C-alpha cells in the first residue's frame, strides 16, 4: 500500500510545468574589456528567467526532465574613472562614474535526470546548452566634463559579437512540492564555456543561482 501511494504521488507531479523567478549570476572577471582597476575582480548581478519544463511519466524513482527557457543575466559593478588604473584615453570625453552592467539575454535548453526518492521532493542534475540572443554593455551615472559641469550618463553598447554565441554548463537542483499545483525550484548552474571572446579579455565563466515559483499545469496520466 505504501509503495502504491508513493508511485501515485510521483505521477501526480509529472508532466508540464511553468517556471518563473529570479537568477543571481556572478563571475570572477568582468565581461568585455576596458575595465581599468576592476579587471580581474569578481562581478555579479540579478536577472530573471521564464521556463517551460516537461517530465515524462515514469513509475520508478528515476526519470527525465527537459525544458526551454528564456533568461536575462546581468553582471556588473560600480566604477569611478578618477581612480588610478584607467588609461588616459578614458578621460577624453570626461570623467565617468556610476554603474556598469553587461545584460545578456539567452535561450536555454536544460536536460536533467530527475530522482524522486522522497515524497514531495525531486532532485535533479544534468546539462544545459544556451544560445546568446543579445549582450548590451550599460553605463549609468554621471559624467564630469572639464572638471566643471556634470551631466547624466546613459550609454548602451552592443557587445553581442564579443561574447561566445553558445554555452554549455551543468545544473544541480531540487523541486520542492507545495500545495495544489504550486511548487518551488532551486537550481545552481555552472558554465563550462569561456564567454569572453574580445581581444585582451580574461576568461569569464558563469556561476548562477536560480529560484523560481513553479506551476504544474498538466500532469502525466
N, C-alpha and C. Protein backbone atom coordinates (compact mmCIF):
# COMPACT_ATOMS: atom_id res chain seq x y z
N UNK A 1 0.82 -1.21 0.00
CA UNK A 1 0.00 0.00 0.00
C UNK A 1 0.86 1.26 0.00
N UNK A 2 1.90 1.27 0.83
CA UNK A 2 2.78 2.44 0.90
C UNK A 2 3.46 2.68 -0.44
N UNK A 3 3.92 1.57 -1.08
CA UNK A 3 4.59 1.69 -2.38
C UNK A 3 3.64 2.26 -3.41
N UNK A 4 2.40 1.82 -3.45
CA UNK A 4 1.43 2.34 -4.40
C UNK A 4 1.17 3.82 -4.18
N UNK A 5 1.10 4.23 -2.92
CA UNK A 5 0.88 5.64 -2.60
C UNK A 5 2.04 6.50 -3.09
N UNK A 6 3.27 5.99 -2.91
CA UNK A 6 4.44 6.73 -3.37
C UNK A 6 4.43 6.88 -4.88
N UNK A 7 4.10 5.80 -5.61
CA UNK A 7 4.08 5.87 -7.07
C UNK A 7 3.00 6.84 -7.54
N UNK A 8 1.87 6.85 -6.87
CA UNK A 8 0.81 7.78 -7.24
C UNK A 8 1.24 9.21 -7.04
N UNK A 9 1.98 9.45 -5.95
CA UNK A 9 2.47 10.80 -5.69
C UNK A 9 3.46 11.24 -6.75
N UNK A 10 4.35 10.31 -7.15
CA UNK A 10 5.30 10.62 -8.21
C UNK A 10 4.57 11.05 -9.48
N UNK A 11 3.58 10.27 -9.86
CA UNK A 11 2.86 10.55 -11.09
C UNK A 11 2.14 11.88 -11.04
N UNK A 12 1.62 12.25 -9.87
CA UNK A 12 0.83 13.46 -9.75
C UNK A 12 1.65 14.71 -10.03
N UNK A 13 2.98 14.66 -9.87
CA UNK A 13 3.81 15.84 -10.06
C UNK A 13 4.51 15.84 -11.41
N UNK A 14 4.30 14.82 -12.22
CA UNK A 14 4.95 14.74 -13.52
C UNK A 14 4.11 15.42 -14.58
N UNK A 15 4.73 15.78 -15.69
CA UNK A 15 4.03 16.44 -16.78
C UNK A 15 4.67 17.77 -17.09
N UNK A 16 3.86 18.76 -17.53
CA UNK A 16 4.35 20.07 -17.91
C UNK A 16 4.28 21.04 -16.73
N UNK A 17 5.29 21.92 -16.65
CA UNK A 17 5.33 22.93 -15.60
C UNK A 17 5.82 24.25 -16.17
N UNK A 18 5.34 25.33 -15.60
CA UNK A 18 5.78 26.68 -15.96
C UNK A 18 6.57 27.25 -14.78
N UNK A 19 7.80 27.72 -15.04
CA UNK A 19 8.67 28.27 -14.01
C UNK A 19 8.92 29.74 -14.28
N UNK A 20 8.89 30.55 -13.24
CA UNK A 20 9.22 31.96 -13.36
C UNK A 20 9.85 32.46 -12.08
N UNK A 21 10.95 33.21 -12.21
CA UNK A 21 11.61 33.70 -11.00
C UNK A 21 12.87 34.48 -11.29
N UNK A 22 13.73 34.53 -10.29
CA UNK A 22 14.92 35.36 -10.34
C UNK A 22 16.18 34.51 -10.42
N UNK A 23 17.21 35.09 -11.02
CA UNK A 23 18.53 34.46 -11.00
C UNK A 23 19.56 35.46 -10.51
N UNK A 24 20.60 34.93 -9.89
CA UNK A 24 21.72 35.77 -9.43
C UNK A 24 23.00 35.17 -10.01
N UNK A 25 23.70 35.95 -10.83
CA UNK A 25 24.87 35.48 -11.55
C UNK A 25 26.13 36.18 -11.04
N UNK A 26 27.20 35.41 -10.95
CA UNK A 26 28.49 36.02 -10.60
C UNK A 26 29.60 35.41 -11.45
N UNK A 27 30.63 36.22 -11.71
CA UNK A 27 31.78 35.80 -12.49
C UNK A 27 33.05 36.32 -11.83
N UNK A 28 34.17 35.65 -12.09
CA UNK A 28 35.44 36.04 -11.48
C UNK A 28 36.10 37.21 -12.20
N UNK A 29 35.60 37.53 -13.39
CA UNK A 29 36.17 38.64 -14.16
C UNK A 29 35.07 39.28 -14.99
N UNK A 30 35.07 40.61 -15.15
CA UNK A 30 34.01 41.26 -15.94
C UNK A 30 34.05 40.82 -17.40
N UNK A 31 32.89 40.82 -18.03
CA UNK A 31 32.82 40.53 -19.45
C UNK A 31 33.27 41.75 -20.25
N UNK A 32 34.04 41.51 -21.32
CA UNK A 32 34.49 42.61 -22.15
C UNK A 32 35.85 43.15 -21.73
N UNK A 33 36.16 44.36 -22.23
CA UNK A 33 37.47 44.98 -21.98
C UNK A 33 37.29 46.39 -21.43
N UNK A 34 38.43 47.05 -21.18
CA UNK A 34 38.47 48.44 -20.70
C UNK A 34 37.81 48.59 -19.33
N UNK A 35 38.16 47.69 -18.43
CA UNK A 35 37.60 47.75 -17.08
C UNK A 35 38.54 48.41 -16.07
N UNK A 36 39.72 48.83 -16.51
CA UNK A 36 40.64 49.52 -15.61
C UNK A 36 40.96 48.71 -14.38
N UNK A 37 40.89 49.32 -13.19
CA UNK A 37 41.23 48.61 -11.95
C UNK A 37 40.25 47.50 -11.58
N UNK A 38 39.10 47.42 -12.26
CA UNK A 38 38.12 46.38 -11.97
C UNK A 38 38.45 45.06 -12.69
N UNK A 39 39.38 45.09 -13.65
CA UNK A 39 39.75 43.87 -14.36
C UNK A 39 40.33 42.85 -13.39
N UNK A 40 39.91 41.61 -13.52
CA UNK A 40 40.40 40.56 -12.63
C UNK A 40 39.65 40.45 -11.33
N UNK A 41 38.62 41.29 -11.12
CA UNK A 41 37.81 41.24 -9.90
C UNK A 41 36.42 40.68 -10.22
N UNK A 42 35.81 40.06 -9.24
CA UNK A 42 34.52 39.43 -9.45
C UNK A 42 33.42 40.47 -9.65
N UNK A 43 32.42 40.07 -10.44
CA UNK A 43 31.25 40.91 -10.70
C UNK A 43 30.00 40.05 -10.50
N UNK A 44 28.87 40.70 -10.27
CA UNK A 44 27.64 39.95 -10.02
C UNK A 44 26.44 40.82 -10.35
N UNK A 45 25.27 40.18 -10.37
CA UNK A 45 24.04 40.92 -10.63
C UNK A 45 22.84 40.00 -10.70
N UNK A 46 21.66 40.60 -10.68
CA UNK A 46 20.40 39.85 -10.68
C UNK A 46 19.72 39.94 -12.03
N UNK A 47 18.94 38.90 -12.34
CA UNK A 47 18.17 38.86 -13.58
C UNK A 47 16.90 38.06 -13.37
N UNK A 48 16.34 37.53 -14.46
CA UNK A 48 15.10 36.78 -14.35
C UNK A 48 15.10 35.63 -15.35
N UNK A 49 14.17 34.69 -15.15
CA UNK A 49 14.09 33.52 -16.02
C UNK A 49 12.64 33.07 -16.14
N UNK A 50 12.25 32.67 -17.35
CA UNK A 50 10.94 32.07 -17.62
C UNK A 50 11.19 30.75 -18.35
N UNK A 51 10.53 29.69 -17.93
CA UNK A 51 10.86 28.37 -18.46
C UNK A 51 9.62 27.46 -18.49
N UNK A 52 9.59 26.60 -19.50
CA UNK A 52 8.61 25.53 -19.58
C UNK A 52 9.36 24.21 -19.48
N UNK A 53 8.98 23.37 -18.53
CA UNK A 53 9.61 22.06 -18.31
C UNK A 53 8.63 20.94 -18.60
N UNK A 54 9.20 19.79 -18.94
CA UNK A 54 8.37 18.60 -19.11
C UNK A 54 9.09 17.41 -18.49
N UNK A 55 8.38 16.71 -17.61
CA UNK A 55 8.88 15.47 -17.02
C UNK A 55 7.95 14.35 -17.47
N UNK A 56 8.37 13.54 -18.45
CA UNK A 56 7.51 12.44 -18.91
C UNK A 56 7.18 11.49 -17.76
N UNK A 57 6.02 10.88 -17.85
CA UNK A 57 5.58 9.98 -16.79
C UNK A 57 6.52 8.79 -16.61
N UNK A 58 6.79 8.43 -15.36
CA UNK A 58 7.61 7.26 -15.04
C UNK A 58 7.14 6.71 -13.69
N UNK A 59 7.16 5.39 -13.56
CA UNK A 59 6.66 4.75 -12.35
C UNK A 59 7.74 4.58 -11.29
N UNK A 60 9.00 4.53 -11.68
CA UNK A 60 10.10 4.37 -10.73
C UNK A 60 10.60 5.71 -10.22
N UNK A 61 11.62 5.70 -9.37
CA UNK A 61 12.13 6.95 -8.81
C UNK A 61 12.93 7.79 -9.81
N UNK A 62 13.48 7.18 -10.86
CA UNK A 62 14.30 7.92 -11.82
C UNK A 62 13.50 8.26 -13.07
N UNK A 63 13.73 9.46 -13.56
CA UNK A 63 13.08 9.90 -14.78
C UNK A 63 13.89 10.97 -15.47
N UNK A 64 13.32 11.55 -16.51
CA UNK A 64 13.98 12.58 -17.30
C UNK A 64 13.18 13.86 -17.22
N UNK A 65 13.87 14.98 -17.22
CA UNK A 65 13.22 16.30 -17.24
C UNK A 65 13.98 17.20 -18.21
N UNK A 66 13.24 17.87 -19.07
CA UNK A 66 13.89 18.77 -20.04
C UNK A 66 13.01 20.01 -20.20
N UNK A 67 13.59 21.08 -20.75
CA UNK A 67 12.81 22.31 -20.85
C UNK A 67 13.35 23.28 -21.86
N UNK A 68 12.69 24.42 -21.94
CA UNK A 68 13.08 25.53 -22.80
C UNK A 68 12.89 26.81 -22.00
N UNK A 69 13.95 27.61 -21.90
CA UNK A 69 13.91 28.79 -21.03
C UNK A 69 14.40 30.04 -21.76
N UNK A 70 13.83 31.17 -21.37
CA UNK A 70 14.34 32.49 -21.76
C UNK A 70 14.82 33.17 -20.50
N UNK A 71 16.05 33.69 -20.52
CA UNK A 71 16.61 34.30 -19.31
C UNK A 71 17.38 35.56 -19.64
N UNK A 72 17.36 36.49 -18.70
CA UNK A 72 18.24 37.65 -18.75
C UNK A 72 19.22 37.57 -17.59
N UNK A 73 20.50 37.62 -17.90
CA UNK A 73 21.55 37.64 -16.88
C UNK A 73 22.17 39.03 -16.85
N UNK A 74 22.59 39.46 -15.70
CA UNK A 74 23.22 40.76 -15.57
C UNK A 74 24.37 40.68 -14.57
N UNK A 75 25.54 41.12 -14.98
CA UNK A 75 26.69 41.20 -14.07
C UNK A 75 27.34 42.57 -14.22
N UNK A 76 27.74 43.16 -13.11
CA UNK A 76 28.32 44.50 -13.20
C UNK A 76 28.95 44.95 -11.90
N UNK A 77 29.26 46.26 -11.85
CA UNK A 77 29.97 46.82 -10.71
C UNK A 77 29.84 48.35 -10.73
N UNK A 78 30.25 48.97 -9.64
CA UNK A 78 30.33 50.42 -9.57
C UNK A 78 31.73 50.86 -9.96
N UNK A 79 31.84 52.01 -10.63
CA UNK A 79 33.15 52.47 -11.10
C UNK A 79 33.28 53.98 -10.97
N UNK A 80 34.51 54.44 -10.99
CA UNK A 80 34.84 55.87 -10.97
C UNK A 80 36.16 56.04 -11.71
N UNK A 81 36.13 56.71 -12.85
CA UNK A 81 37.31 56.83 -13.70
C UNK A 81 38.37 57.75 -13.13
N UNK A 82 38.08 58.41 -12.01
CA UNK A 82 39.12 59.21 -11.34
C UNK A 82 40.12 58.28 -10.66
N UNK A 83 39.72 57.06 -10.35
CA UNK A 83 40.63 56.10 -9.72
C UNK A 83 41.81 55.79 -10.65
N UNK A 84 42.92 55.44 -10.05
CA UNK A 84 44.08 55.03 -10.83
C UNK A 84 43.81 53.68 -11.48
N UNK A 85 44.45 53.48 -12.62
CA UNK A 85 44.29 52.21 -13.32
C UNK A 85 43.57 52.35 -14.65
N UNK A 86 42.88 53.47 -14.87
CA UNK A 86 42.24 53.70 -16.15
C UNK A 86 43.22 54.39 -17.10
N UNK A 87 43.21 54.03 -18.39
CA UNK A 87 44.10 54.70 -19.35
C UNK A 87 43.70 56.16 -19.53
N UNK A 88 44.66 56.98 -19.96
CA UNK A 88 44.38 58.41 -20.15
C UNK A 88 43.29 58.63 -21.18
N UNK A 89 43.18 57.73 -22.15
CA UNK A 89 42.16 57.89 -23.19
C UNK A 89 40.75 57.79 -22.63
N UNK A 90 40.58 57.17 -21.45
CA UNK A 90 39.26 57.04 -20.85
C UNK A 90 38.70 58.39 -20.42
N UNK A 91 39.57 59.39 -20.28
CA UNK A 91 39.14 60.71 -19.82
C UNK A 91 38.96 61.70 -20.97
N UNK A 92 39.09 61.22 -22.21
CA UNK A 92 38.99 62.13 -23.36
C UNK A 92 37.64 62.82 -23.43
N UNK A 93 36.57 62.11 -23.07
CA UNK A 93 35.23 62.70 -23.14
C UNK A 93 34.71 63.11 -21.77
N UNK A 94 35.57 63.11 -20.75
CA UNK A 94 35.17 63.46 -19.40
C UNK A 94 35.41 62.31 -18.45
N UNK A 95 35.16 62.55 -17.18
CA UNK A 95 35.37 61.55 -16.15
C UNK A 95 34.02 60.96 -15.75
N UNK A 96 33.85 59.64 -15.97
CA UNK A 96 32.58 58.98 -15.70
C UNK A 96 32.62 58.26 -14.36
N UNK A 97 31.46 58.18 -13.74
CA UNK A 97 31.30 57.35 -12.54
C UNK A 97 29.86 56.91 -12.45
N UNK A 98 29.66 55.72 -11.87
CA UNK A 98 28.32 55.16 -11.77
C UNK A 98 28.35 53.65 -11.76
N UNK A 99 27.45 53.02 -12.50
CA UNK A 99 27.39 51.56 -12.58
C UNK A 99 27.59 51.11 -14.02
N UNK A 100 28.23 49.96 -14.17
CA UNK A 100 28.41 49.36 -15.49
C UNK A 100 27.95 47.91 -15.42
N UNK A 101 27.00 47.55 -16.28
CA UNK A 101 26.42 46.21 -16.29
C UNK A 101 26.42 45.63 -17.69
N UNK A 102 26.70 44.34 -17.78
CA UNK A 102 26.53 43.61 -19.03
C UNK A 102 25.26 42.79 -18.91
N UNK A 103 24.26 43.12 -19.71
CA UNK A 103 22.99 42.41 -19.70
C UNK A 103 22.93 41.47 -20.91
N UNK A 104 22.81 40.18 -20.62
CA UNK A 104 22.78 39.15 -21.66
C UNK A 104 21.42 38.47 -21.66
N UNK A 105 20.84 38.32 -22.83
CA UNK A 105 19.59 37.56 -22.98
C UNK A 105 19.88 36.29 -23.74
N UNK A 106 19.40 35.18 -23.21
CA UNK A 106 19.74 33.87 -23.77
C UNK A 106 18.50 32.97 -23.83
N UNK A 107 18.59 31.97 -24.70
CA UNK A 107 17.65 30.85 -24.73
C UNK A 107 18.41 29.64 -24.20
N UNK A 108 17.81 28.93 -23.23
CA UNK A 108 18.48 27.78 -22.62
C UNK A 108 17.66 26.50 -22.84
N UNK A 109 18.39 25.40 -23.03
CA UNK A 109 17.75 24.09 -23.13
C UNK A 109 18.38 23.17 -22.07
N UNK A 110 17.73 23.00 -20.92
CA UNK A 110 18.23 22.09 -19.89
C UNK A 110 17.72 20.67 -20.09
N UNK A 111 18.57 19.70 -19.86
CA UNK A 111 18.20 18.28 -19.88
C UNK A 111 18.76 17.66 -18.61
N UNK A 112 17.88 17.08 -17.76
CA UNK A 112 18.30 16.63 -16.45
C UNK A 112 17.74 15.25 -16.12
N UNK A 113 18.47 14.54 -15.29
CA UNK A 113 17.98 13.31 -14.67
C UNK A 113 17.24 13.69 -13.40
N UNK A 114 16.01 13.21 -13.25
CA UNK A 114 15.20 13.52 -12.06
C UNK A 114 15.12 12.30 -11.16
N UNK A 115 15.25 12.55 -9.86
CA UNK A 115 15.17 11.46 -8.87
C UNK A 115 14.14 11.81 -7.82
N UNK A 116 13.16 10.92 -7.66
CA UNK A 116 12.09 11.11 -6.68
C UNK A 116 12.17 10.00 -5.64
N UNK A 117 13.08 10.14 -4.70
CA UNK A 117 13.24 9.14 -3.66
C UNK A 117 12.42 9.41 -2.43
N UNK A 118 11.96 10.68 -2.29
CA UNK A 118 11.15 11.06 -1.13
C UNK A 118 9.92 11.79 -1.60
N UNK A 119 8.86 11.64 -0.86
CA UNK A 119 7.60 12.29 -1.20
C UNK A 119 7.76 13.81 -1.14
N UNK A 120 7.29 14.51 -2.19
CA UNK A 120 7.32 15.96 -2.20
C UNK A 120 8.65 16.57 -2.59
N UNK A 121 9.62 15.76 -3.05
CA UNK A 121 10.93 16.30 -3.38
C UNK A 121 11.45 15.63 -4.65
N UNK A 122 11.89 16.45 -5.60
CA UNK A 122 12.54 15.95 -6.82
C UNK A 122 13.95 16.52 -6.89
N UNK A 123 14.95 15.66 -6.87
CA UNK A 123 16.33 16.08 -7.07
C UNK A 123 16.66 15.97 -8.54
N UNK A 124 17.45 16.90 -9.04
CA UNK A 124 17.74 16.91 -10.47
C UNK A 124 19.18 17.32 -10.74
N UNK A 125 19.73 16.77 -11.81
CA UNK A 125 21.09 17.09 -12.21
C UNK A 125 21.28 16.78 -13.68
N UNK A 126 22.03 17.63 -14.37
CA UNK A 126 22.22 17.40 -15.80
C UNK A 126 23.01 18.52 -16.45
N UNK A 127 22.71 18.79 -17.71
CA UNK A 127 23.43 19.77 -18.52
C UNK A 127 22.46 20.77 -19.14
N UNK A 128 23.00 21.92 -19.51
CA UNK A 128 22.22 22.88 -20.29
C UNK A 128 23.08 23.40 -21.44
N UNK A 129 22.39 23.78 -22.51
CA UNK A 129 23.01 24.47 -23.64
C UNK A 129 22.27 25.78 -23.82
N UNK A 130 23.01 26.88 -23.94
CA UNK A 130 22.35 28.18 -24.11
C UNK A 130 22.86 28.88 -25.36
N UNK A 131 21.97 29.64 -25.97
CA UNK A 131 22.29 30.42 -27.16
C UNK A 131 22.12 31.90 -26.83
N UNK A 132 23.18 32.67 -27.07
CA UNK A 132 23.14 34.10 -26.78
C UNK A 132 22.29 34.82 -27.83
N UNK A 133 21.32 35.60 -27.35
CA UNK A 133 20.49 36.41 -28.23
C UNK A 133 21.02 37.83 -28.36
N UNK A 134 21.41 38.42 -27.24
CA UNK A 134 21.93 39.79 -27.24
C UNK A 134 22.75 40.04 -25.99
N UNK A 135 23.69 40.96 -26.10
CA UNK A 135 24.51 41.39 -24.96
C UNK A 135 24.70 42.89 -25.07
N UNK A 136 24.28 43.62 -24.05
CA UNK A 136 24.36 45.08 -24.05
C UNK A 136 25.17 45.54 -22.85
N UNK A 137 26.17 46.37 -23.13
CA UNK A 137 27.02 46.97 -22.09
C UNK A 137 26.38 48.30 -21.69
N UNK A 138 25.90 48.39 -20.45
CA UNK A 138 25.17 49.58 -19.98
C UNK A 138 25.99 50.36 -18.96
N UNK A 139 26.11 51.65 -19.18
CA UNK A 139 26.73 52.55 -18.21
C UNK A 139 25.70 53.59 -17.79
N UNK A 140 25.49 53.71 -16.49
CA UNK A 140 24.58 54.71 -15.95
C UNK A 140 25.26 55.46 -14.82
N UNK A 141 25.09 56.77 -14.80
CA UNK A 141 25.71 57.56 -13.73
C UNK A 141 25.83 59.01 -14.15
N UNK A 142 27.01 59.59 -13.91
CA UNK A 142 27.26 60.99 -14.25
C UNK A 142 28.60 61.11 -14.96
N UNK A 143 28.73 62.17 -15.75
CA UNK A 143 29.98 62.48 -16.46
C UNK A 143 30.41 63.91 -16.11
N UNK A 144 31.63 64.02 -15.61
CA UNK A 144 32.19 65.33 -15.27
C UNK A 144 33.05 65.80 -16.43
N UNK A 145 32.67 66.96 -17.03
CA UNK A 145 33.36 67.49 -18.20
C UNK A 145 34.18 68.72 -17.79
N UNK A 146 35.48 68.70 -18.14
CA UNK A 146 36.40 69.81 -17.85
C UNK A 146 36.44 70.16 -16.37
N UNK A 147 36.16 69.13 -15.53
CA UNK A 147 36.18 69.34 -14.07
C UNK A 147 35.23 70.44 -13.62
N UNK A 148 34.23 70.74 -14.42
CA UNK A 148 33.32 71.83 -14.08
C UNK A 148 31.85 71.39 -14.13
N UNK A 149 31.40 71.06 -15.31
CA UNK A 149 29.98 70.74 -15.48
C UNK A 149 29.76 69.22 -15.39
N UNK A 150 28.60 68.86 -14.82
CA UNK A 150 28.26 67.46 -14.65
C UNK A 150 26.98 67.16 -15.44
N UNK A 151 26.99 66.04 -16.15
CA UNK A 151 25.84 65.66 -16.96
C UNK A 151 25.49 64.20 -16.71
N UNK A 152 24.24 63.84 -17.02
CA UNK A 152 23.80 62.45 -16.85
C UNK A 152 24.50 61.56 -17.86
N UNK A 153 24.81 60.35 -17.42
CA UNK A 153 25.45 59.36 -18.28
C UNK A 153 24.50 58.18 -18.47
N UNK A 154 24.21 57.87 -19.72
CA UNK A 154 23.41 56.71 -20.06
C UNK A 154 23.92 56.19 -21.40
N UNK A 155 24.76 55.18 -21.35
CA UNK A 155 25.44 54.68 -22.55
C UNK A 155 25.10 53.21 -22.76
N UNK A 156 24.74 52.85 -23.99
CA UNK A 156 24.42 51.48 -24.36
C UNK A 156 25.29 51.08 -25.56
N UNK A 157 26.04 49.99 -25.41
CA UNK A 157 26.88 49.48 -26.49
C UNK A 157 26.57 48.01 -26.71
N UNK A 158 26.31 47.63 -27.94
CA UNK A 158 26.03 46.23 -28.28
C UNK A 158 27.34 45.43 -28.27
N UNK A 159 27.41 44.42 -27.39
CA UNK A 159 28.61 43.58 -27.27
C UNK A 159 28.34 42.13 -27.70
N UNK A 160 27.25 41.90 -28.40
CA UNK A 160 26.89 40.52 -28.75
C UNK A 160 28.01 39.81 -29.49
N UNK A 161 28.66 40.49 -30.42
CA UNK A 161 29.72 39.87 -31.21
C UNK A 161 30.97 39.58 -30.40
N UNK A 162 31.10 40.18 -29.22
CA UNK A 162 32.30 39.99 -28.40
C UNK A 162 32.20 38.80 -27.46
N UNK A 163 31.02 38.17 -27.37
CA UNK A 163 30.82 37.05 -26.47
C UNK A 163 30.58 35.76 -27.24
N UNK A 164 30.82 34.64 -26.57
CA UNK A 164 30.61 33.33 -27.19
C UNK A 164 29.13 33.14 -27.51
N UNK A 165 28.79 32.70 -28.72
CA UNK A 165 27.37 32.53 -29.07
C UNK A 165 26.71 31.34 -28.39
N UNK A 166 27.50 30.32 -28.02
CA UNK A 166 26.97 29.12 -27.38
C UNK A 166 27.66 28.88 -26.05
N UNK A 167 26.93 28.32 -25.10
CA UNK A 167 27.49 27.98 -23.80
C UNK A 167 26.95 26.62 -23.37
N UNK A 168 27.82 25.81 -22.78
CA UNK A 168 27.44 24.53 -22.19
C UNK A 168 27.78 24.56 -20.71
N UNK A 169 26.89 24.04 -19.88
CA UNK A 169 27.14 24.03 -18.44
C UNK A 169 26.41 22.91 -17.74
N UNK A 170 26.61 22.83 -16.42
CA UNK A 170 25.96 21.82 -15.61
C UNK A 170 24.91 22.41 -14.68
N UNK A 171 23.95 21.59 -14.28
CA UNK A 171 22.87 22.01 -13.39
C UNK A 171 22.71 20.98 -12.27
N UNK A 172 22.53 21.47 -11.05
CA UNK A 172 22.05 20.63 -9.95
C UNK A 172 20.95 21.43 -9.25
N UNK A 173 19.94 20.74 -8.76
CA UNK A 173 18.86 21.47 -8.12
C UNK A 173 17.85 20.57 -7.46
N UNK A 174 16.78 21.20 -7.01
CA UNK A 174 15.71 20.47 -6.33
C UNK A 174 14.38 21.17 -6.59
N UNK A 175 13.34 20.37 -6.72
CA UNK A 175 11.97 20.85 -6.81
C UNK A 175 11.25 20.46 -5.52
N UNK A 176 10.76 21.45 -4.79
CA UNK A 176 10.05 21.20 -3.54
C UNK A 176 8.56 21.40 -3.80
N UNK A 177 7.80 20.34 -3.66
CA UNK A 177 6.38 20.39 -3.98
C UNK A 177 5.59 21.05 -2.85
N UNK A 178 4.68 21.93 -3.25
CA UNK A 178 3.83 22.62 -2.29
C UNK A 178 2.38 22.23 -2.46
N UNK A 179 1.47 23.05 -1.92
CA UNK A 179 0.04 22.73 -2.02
C UNK A 179 -0.48 22.87 -3.44
N UNK A 180 -1.43 22.03 -3.79
CA UNK A 180 -2.09 22.05 -5.09
C UNK A 180 -1.05 21.97 -6.22
N UNK A 181 -1.08 22.94 -7.14
CA UNK A 181 -0.20 22.88 -8.31
C UNK A 181 1.07 23.72 -8.14
N UNK A 182 1.27 24.36 -6.99
CA UNK A 182 2.37 25.29 -6.83
C UNK A 182 3.55 24.65 -6.11
N UNK A 183 4.74 24.83 -6.68
CA UNK A 183 5.97 24.27 -6.12
C UNK A 183 7.06 25.35 -6.14
N UNK A 184 8.24 24.99 -5.66
CA UNK A 184 9.40 25.88 -5.69
C UNK A 184 10.61 25.14 -6.25
N UNK A 185 11.35 25.81 -7.12
CA UNK A 185 12.54 25.22 -7.74
C UNK A 185 13.76 26.04 -7.35
N UNK A 186 14.82 25.33 -6.95
CA UNK A 186 16.11 25.96 -6.66
C UNK A 186 17.17 25.24 -7.48
N UNK A 187 17.94 25.99 -8.27
CA UNK A 187 18.97 25.39 -9.12
C UNK A 187 20.27 26.19 -9.05
N UNK A 188 21.36 25.45 -9.13
CA UNK A 188 22.69 26.06 -9.29
C UNK A 188 23.23 25.66 -10.64
N UNK A 189 23.72 26.65 -11.39
CA UNK A 189 24.26 26.41 -12.73
C UNK A 189 25.73 26.82 -12.79
N UNK A 190 26.53 25.98 -13.44
CA UNK A 190 27.96 26.24 -13.59
C UNK A 190 28.33 26.14 -15.05
N UNK A 191 28.78 27.26 -15.63
CA UNK A 191 29.14 27.26 -17.04
C UNK A 191 30.51 26.65 -17.27
N UNK A 192 30.64 25.88 -18.34
CA UNK A 192 31.91 25.27 -18.72
C UNK A 192 32.57 26.01 -19.88
N UNK A 193 31.90 27.02 -20.43
CA UNK A 193 32.39 27.73 -21.61
C UNK A 193 32.89 29.12 -21.24
N UNK A 194 34.06 29.49 -21.75
CA UNK A 194 34.56 30.85 -21.59
C UNK A 194 33.74 31.77 -22.48
N UNK A 195 33.01 32.70 -21.86
CA UNK A 195 32.10 33.56 -22.62
C UNK A 195 32.80 34.75 -23.26
N UNK A 196 33.96 35.12 -22.78
CA UNK A 196 34.63 36.34 -23.24
C UNK A 196 35.51 36.04 -24.45
N UNK A 197 35.16 36.61 -25.60
CA UNK A 197 35.91 36.39 -26.84
C UNK A 197 36.61 37.67 -27.31
N UNK A 198 36.48 38.77 -26.59
CA UNK A 198 37.10 40.02 -27.00
C UNK A 198 38.62 39.95 -26.86
N UNK A 199 39.34 40.58 -27.78
CA UNK A 199 40.80 40.61 -27.74
C UNK A 199 41.25 41.36 -26.49
N UNK A 200 42.15 40.73 -25.72
CA UNK A 200 42.65 41.36 -24.50
C UNK A 200 41.84 41.08 -23.27
N UNK A 201 40.77 40.29 -23.39
CA UNK A 201 39.94 39.98 -22.24
C UNK A 201 40.45 38.74 -21.51
N UNK A 202 39.99 38.56 -20.28
CA UNK A 202 40.33 37.39 -19.48
C UNK A 202 39.16 36.41 -19.49
N UNK A 203 39.42 35.12 -19.22
CA UNK A 203 38.33 34.13 -19.23
C UNK A 203 37.23 34.47 -18.22
N UNK A 204 35.99 34.29 -18.63
CA UNK A 204 34.83 34.55 -17.77
C UNK A 204 33.86 33.38 -17.88
N UNK A 205 33.53 32.78 -16.73
CA UNK A 205 32.64 31.63 -16.68
C UNK A 205 31.45 31.95 -15.78
N UNK A 206 30.31 31.36 -16.11
CA UNK A 206 29.06 31.64 -15.39
C UNK A 206 28.93 30.80 -14.13
N UNK A 207 28.56 31.43 -13.04
CA UNK A 207 28.04 30.78 -11.84
C UNK A 207 26.69 31.43 -11.56
N UNK A 208 25.67 30.62 -11.33
CA UNK A 208 24.34 31.20 -11.19
C UNK A 208 23.48 30.42 -10.21
N UNK A 209 22.75 31.16 -9.39
CA UNK A 209 21.73 30.60 -8.51
C UNK A 209 20.37 31.06 -9.02
N UNK A 210 19.46 30.11 -9.20
CA UNK A 210 18.14 30.42 -9.73
C UNK A 210 17.06 29.92 -8.78
N UNK A 211 16.11 30.79 -8.45
CA UNK A 211 14.97 30.44 -7.59
C UNK A 211 13.70 30.80 -8.33
N UNK A 212 12.81 29.81 -8.51
CA UNK A 212 11.60 30.02 -9.29
C UNK A 212 10.37 29.47 -8.57
N UNK A 213 9.24 30.10 -8.83
CA UNK A 213 7.94 29.55 -8.48
C UNK A 213 7.49 28.67 -9.64
N UNK A 214 6.96 27.51 -9.33
CA UNK A 214 6.58 26.53 -10.36
C UNK A 214 5.07 26.29 -10.30
N UNK A 215 4.45 26.31 -11.48
CA UNK A 215 3.05 25.94 -11.58
C UNK A 215 2.94 24.70 -12.48
N UNK A 216 2.49 23.58 -11.92
CA UNK A 216 2.31 22.36 -12.68
C UNK A 216 0.91 22.38 -13.28
N UNK A 217 0.83 22.74 -14.59
CA UNK A 217 -0.48 22.92 -15.20
C UNK A 217 -0.94 21.71 -16.00
N UNK A 218 -0.11 20.65 -16.06
CA UNK A 218 -0.55 19.44 -16.73
C UNK A 218 0.16 18.26 -16.07
N UNK A 219 -0.55 17.21 -15.83
CA UNK A 219 0.04 16.04 -15.19
C UNK A 219 -0.01 14.85 -16.12
N UNK A 220 0.97 13.97 -15.93
CA UNK A 220 1.02 12.77 -16.76
C UNK A 220 -0.08 11.80 -16.33
N UNK A 221 -0.58 11.01 -17.26
CA UNK A 221 -1.61 10.05 -16.90
C UNK A 221 -1.04 8.93 -16.05
